[in-house]
């Protein structure tokens, strides 16, 4: 079983983010970057499939040199090899998807796993784009995955419940929280991962479909008025929502 896991480097949710001087991107100074949390489920599931059926797990990311850190995390978890698609700009989701698809054509994996989405751009687009570019089936929000030979049975989260689907391989899957409990890399594996080679390749020669014109942080001009719980206070809340906030 040849499995490709596509991961992303994202800012830590606890990091205070500032807009960069260009007004179109974040300022990386002082920002801690981590492996996208949803991608941990994808890596873990790939490792479990390999343990059950044999084969190899290849981890790939699109980004600059700093993205090698998340690849080394994947290697420490147990990935067999790692690929960095060099793209310092990460122009848009289409360029990322096209770069992944280009590499996947050469690898010819039986399954491609993603996290359900990255927590920075939250576009929720790349897995389905890759599936379309490769003309493969796509199952998103997978919370349970069972692979049997050339097919897979999936349980996926839908509004208000679960959906059970069957799909033939190769296929693109995106992992939902709850699919598994990702393992923690052990110290010896972390040290070994630092010495393992990372293959580098160029990004796809395609033009971005989306252009960022500006980026700004949410407004902080909240009044922060605190009221009590008496009838008069409740009437005051309603008045403020109607006359000042114009919400009702």
Protein backbone atom coordinates (compact mmCIF):
# COMPACT_ATOMS: atom_id res chain seq x y z
CA UNK A 1 0.00 0.00 0.00
CA UNK A 2 1.60 3.23 -1.23
CA UNK A 3 0.23 6.17 0.76
CA UNK A 4 0.86 9.90 0.26
CA UNK A 5 0.08 12.23 3.16
CA UNK A 6 -0.11 15.96 2.42
CA UNK A 7 0.53 18.23 5.38
CA UNK A 8 0.80 21.95 6.07
CA UNK A 9 2.77 24.26 8.33
CA UNK A 10 0.50 26.72 10.15
CA UNK A 11 0.82 29.35 12.91
CA UNK A 12 0.21 28.05 16.42
CA UNK A 13 -3.29 29.06 17.52
CA UNK A 14 -1.80 30.53 20.71
CA UNK A 15 0.51 32.83 18.73
CA UNK A 16 -0.33 36.50 18.42
CA UNK A 17 -0.41 37.23 14.69
CA UNK A 18 0.29 40.62 13.11
CA UNK A 19 -0.20 41.76 9.53
CA UNK A 20 3.03 42.15 7.57
CA UNK A 21 4.36 45.39 6.03
CA UNK A 22 2.84 44.51 2.65
CA UNK A 23 -0.66 44.47 4.17
CA UNK A 24 -1.39 41.19 2.39
CA UNK A 25 0.21 38.52 4.59
CA UNK A 26 1.08 37.82 8.21
CA UNK A 27 4.32 39.00 9.75
CA UNK A 28 6.31 35.81 10.51
CA UNK A 29 8.49 37.51 13.12
CA UNK A 30 7.87 35.95 16.51
CA UNK A 31 5.28 33.50 15.16
CA UNK A 32 5.55 29.88 16.23
CA UNK A 33 4.71 27.49 13.39
CA UNK A 34 3.43 23.96 13.94
CA UNK A 35 2.12 20.96 12.06
CA UNK A 36 -1.51 21.56 11.13
CA UNK A 37 -3.48 19.69 13.85
CA UNK A 38 -5.87 17.96 11.44
CA UNK A 39 -2.88 16.62 9.50
CA UNK A 40 -1.77 14.66 12.57
CA UNK A 41 -4.85 12.47 12.13
CA UNK A 42 -3.97 11.92 8.47
CA UNK A 43 -0.39 10.88 9.30
CA UNK A 44 -1.51 8.55 12.07
CA UNK A 45 -4.10 6.88 9.85
CA UNK A 46 -1.55 6.35 7.08
CA UNK A 47 0.84 4.73 9.57
CA UNK A 48 -1.91 2.43 10.84
CA UNK A 49 -2.83 1.38 7.29
CA UNK A 50 0.83 0.64 6.58
CA UNK A 51 1.10 -1.41 9.76
CA UNK A 52 -1.95 -3.42 8.74
CA UNK A 53 -1.25 -3.87 5.03
CA UNK A 54 2.45 -3.09 4.54
CA UNK A 55 3.79 -0.55 2.07
CA UNK A 56 5.22 2.94 2.44
CA UNK A 57 4.12 6.34 3.73
CA UNK A 58 5.39 9.45 1.96
CA UNK A 59 4.76 12.85 3.50
CA UNK A 60 4.65 16.00 1.35
CA UNK A 61 4.26 19.69 2.06
CA UNK A 62 4.29 22.85 -0.04
CA UNK A 63 6.22 25.78 1.40
CA UNK A 64 9.58 27.33 2.13
CA UNK A 65 12.59 25.89 3.95
CA UNK A 66 10.94 26.40 7.34
CA UNK A 67 8.29 23.85 6.35
CA UNK A 68 10.92 21.13 6.68
CA UNK A 69 10.19 21.16 10.41
CA UNK A 70 6.72 19.68 9.94
CA UNK A 71 8.18 17.09 7.57
CA UNK A 72 10.66 16.07 10.25
CA UNK A 73 7.77 15.77 12.70
CA UNK A 74 6.10 13.37 10.26
CA UNK A 75 9.35 11.43 9.86
CA UNK A 76 9.66 11.17 13.64
CA UNK A 77 6.11 9.83 13.83
CA UNK A 78 7.10 7.08 11.37
CA UNK A 79 6.77 8.36 7.81
CA UNK A 80 9.18 6.58 5.43
CA UNK A 81 10.12 9.58 3.28
CA UNK A 82 9.44 13.30 2.93
CA UNK A 83 9.08 15.73 0.02
CA UNK A 84 9.26 19.52 0.15
CA UNK A 85 7.69 21.31 -2.80
CA UNK A 86 9.55 24.62 -2.71
CA UNK A 87 7.14 27.54 -2.85
CA UNK A 88 7.99 30.39 -0.50
CA UNK A 89 4.91 32.36 -1.58
CA UNK A 90 2.22 29.64 -1.36
CA UNK A 91 0.25 31.78 -3.79
CA UNK A 92 -3.20 30.20 -3.39
CA UNK A 93 -4.97 26.87 -2.90
CA UNK A 94 -4.91 26.10 -6.62
CA UNK A 95 -1.13 26.42 -6.89
CA UNK A 96 -0.73 24.20 -3.82
CA UNK A 97 -3.17 21.62 -5.21
CA UNK A 98 -1.53 21.65 -8.65
CA UNK A 99 1.90 21.14 -7.07
CA UNK A 100 0.62 18.21 -5.00
CA UNK A 101 -1.12 16.66 -8.01
CA UNK A 102 2.04 16.96 -10.10
CA UNK A 103 4.07 15.11 -7.46
CA UNK A 104 1.32 12.53 -6.92
CA UNK A 105 1.33 11.57 -10.60
CA UNK A 106 4.96 10.49 -10.22
CA UNK A 107 4.42 8.70 -6.89
CA UNK A 108 1.20 6.98 -8.03
CA UNK A 109 -0.14 6.39 -4.50
CA UNK A 110 -2.98 4.01 -3.66
CA UNK A 111 -4.38 6.60 -1.27
CA UNK A 112 -3.81 10.32 -0.62
CA UNK A 113 -4.60 11.60 2.86
CA UNK A 114 -5.07 15.19 4.04
CA UNK A 115 -6.29 16.83 7.20
CA UNK A 116 -9.83 18.12 6.67
CA UNK A 117 -8.50 21.69 6.35
CA UNK A 118 -5.61 23.90 7.41
CA UNK A 119 -6.30 26.11 10.41
CA UNK A 120 -4.69 29.20 8.87
CA UNK A 121 -6.52 29.83 5.57
CA UNK A 122 -9.44 27.48 6.36
CA UNK A 123 -10.22 27.29 2.65
CA UNK A 124 -11.28 23.61 2.77
CA UNK A 125 -10.36 23.42 -0.94
CA UNK A 126 -7.06 21.60 -1.51
CA UNK A 127 -8.14 17.94 -1.06
CA UNK A 128 -11.06 18.28 -3.48
CA UNK A 129 -8.92 20.23 -5.95
CA UNK A 130 -6.25 17.53 -5.91
CA UNK A 131 -8.90 14.86 -6.48
CA UNK A 132 -10.29 16.79 -9.42
CA UNK A 133 -6.87 17.38 -10.98
CA UNK A 134 -6.05 13.66 -10.66
CA UNK A 135 -9.57 12.52 -11.65
CA UNK A 136 -9.90 10.54 -8.41
CA UNK A 137 -12.82 10.07 -6.01
CA UNK A 138 -12.76 12.23 -2.90
CA UNK A 139 -14.17 11.52 0.57
CA UNK A 140 -14.03 14.38 3.07
CA UNK A 141 -14.54 14.64 6.84
CA UNK A 142 -13.57 10.97 7.35
CA UNK A 143 -14.02 9.87 10.97
CA UNK A 144 -13.51 6.14 10.32
CA UNK A 145 -11.56 4.44 7.52
CA UNK A 146 -11.27 0.76 6.67
CA UNK A 147 -9.21 -0.26 3.65
CA UNK A 148 -9.72 -3.71 2.16
CA UNK A 149 -7.66 -4.51 -0.92
CA UNK A 150 -8.64 -2.12 -3.71
CA UNK A 151 -11.56 -0.47 -1.91
CA UNK A 152 -12.30 1.45 1.29
CA UNK A 153 -15.27 1.88 3.58
CA UNK A 154 -15.56 5.29 5.21
CA UNK A 155 -17.64 6.89 7.90
CA UNK A 156 -17.84 10.64 7.46
CA UNK A 157 -19.37 13.44 9.49
CA UNK A 158 -22.39 15.17 7.99
CA UNK A 159 -24.78 17.73 9.46
CA UNK A 160 -26.62 16.02 12.29
CA UNK A 161 -25.18 12.55 11.81
CA UNK A 162 -22.88 10.11 10.03
CA UNK A 163 -22.69 8.92 6.43
CA UNK A 164 -21.27 5.53 5.39
CA UNK A 165 -19.71 5.34 1.92
CA UNK A 166 -17.68 2.83 -0.09
CA UNK A 167 -15.07 3.93 -2.61
CA UNK A 168 -12.55 2.31 -4.92
CA UNK A 169 -8.84 3.04 -4.69
CA UNK A 170 -6.92 5.15 -5.48
CA UNK A 171 -8.81 7.85 -3.64
CA UNK A 172 -8.31 11.16 -1.84
CA UNK A 173 -9.37 11.23 1.82
CA UNK A 174 -9.45 14.12 4.29
CA UNK A 175 -9.28 13.27 7.99
CA UNK A 176 -11.67 14.57 10.61
CA UNK A 177 -10.92 14.88 14.33
CA UNK A 178 -11.80 11.60 16.02
CA UNK A 179 -10.47 9.38 13.24
CA UNK A 180 -7.73 8.23 15.64
CA UNK A 181 -5.43 9.34 18.45
CA UNK A 182 -2.15 10.52 16.88
CA UNK A 183 1.00 9.07 18.40
CA UNK A 184 3.66 11.22 20.01
CA UNK A 185 7.15 10.87 18.49
CA UNK A 186 9.71 9.37 20.84
CA UNK A 187 12.97 11.20 21.50
CA UNK A 188 15.16 8.66 19.61
CA UNK A 189 12.84 8.95 16.59
CA UNK A 190 12.98 12.74 16.76
CA UNK A 191 16.78 12.64 16.73
CA UNK A 192 16.85 10.17 13.82
CA UNK A 193 14.38 12.32 11.85
CA UNK A 194 16.81 15.24 11.96
CA UNK A 195 19.30 13.20 9.91
CA UNK A 196 16.88 11.81 7.35
CA UNK A 197 16.97 13.29 3.83
CA UNK A 198 14.14 15.46 2.51
CA UNK A 199 13.59 15.44 -1.24
CA UNK A 200 13.00 18.87 -2.77
CA UNK A 201 11.15 19.65 -5.96
CA UNK A 202 9.79 22.76 -7.68
CA UNK A 203 6.20 23.95 -7.46
CA UNK A 204 3.89 23.50 -10.43
CA UNK A 205 4.26 26.13 -13.14
CA UNK A 206 0.69 27.40 -12.90
CA UNK A 207 -0.78 30.83 -12.21
CA UNK A 208 -2.76 31.51 -9.04
CA UNK A 209 -6.52 31.81 -9.34
CA UNK A 210 -6.94 34.01 -6.24
CA UNK A 211 -5.13 37.26 -5.39
CA UNK A 212 -5.06 38.71 -1.86
CA UNK A 213 -5.60 42.47 -2.02
CA UNK A 214 -5.44 43.24 1.69
CA UNK A 215 -5.40 41.65 5.13
CA UNK A 216 -6.39 43.19 8.45
CA UNK A 217 -7.01 42.08 12.01
CA UNK A 218 -10.56 42.17 13.45
CA UNK A 219 -11.66 45.50 14.89
CA UNK A 220 -11.02 45.87 18.62
CA UNK A 221 -13.30 48.88 19.24
CA UNK A 222 -15.75 47.06 21.49
CA UNK A 223 -17.51 49.05 24.20
CA UNK A 224 -17.32 46.24 26.75
CA UNK A 225 -20.38 47.40 28.72
CA UNK A 226 -21.27 45.16 31.68
CA UNK A 227 -24.87 45.07 32.97
CA UNK A 228 -26.72 43.08 35.59
CA UNK A 229 -29.62 40.64 35.34
CA UNK A 230 -32.58 42.67 36.52
CA UNK A 231 -35.55 43.41 34.27
CA UNK A 232 -34.26 46.95 33.80
CA UNK A 233 -30.82 45.62 32.79
CA UNK A 234 -32.40 43.29 30.24
CA UNK A 235 -34.39 46.16 28.79
CA UNK A 236 -31.15 48.15 28.55
CA UNK A 237 -29.46 45.31 26.64
CA UNK A 238 -32.36 45.19 24.17
CA UNK A 239 -32.25 48.98 23.75
CA UNK A 240 -28.51 48.97 23.06
CA UNK A 241 -28.79 46.09 20.57
CA UNK A 242 -31.56 47.96 18.76
CA UNK A 243 -30.40 51.58 18.88
CA UNK A 244 -26.58 51.33 19.06
CA UNK A 245 -25.56 47.98 17.60
CA UNK A 246 -28.45 47.99 15.06
CA UNK A 247 -28.68 44.20 15.44
CA UNK A 248 -32.42 43.98 16.15
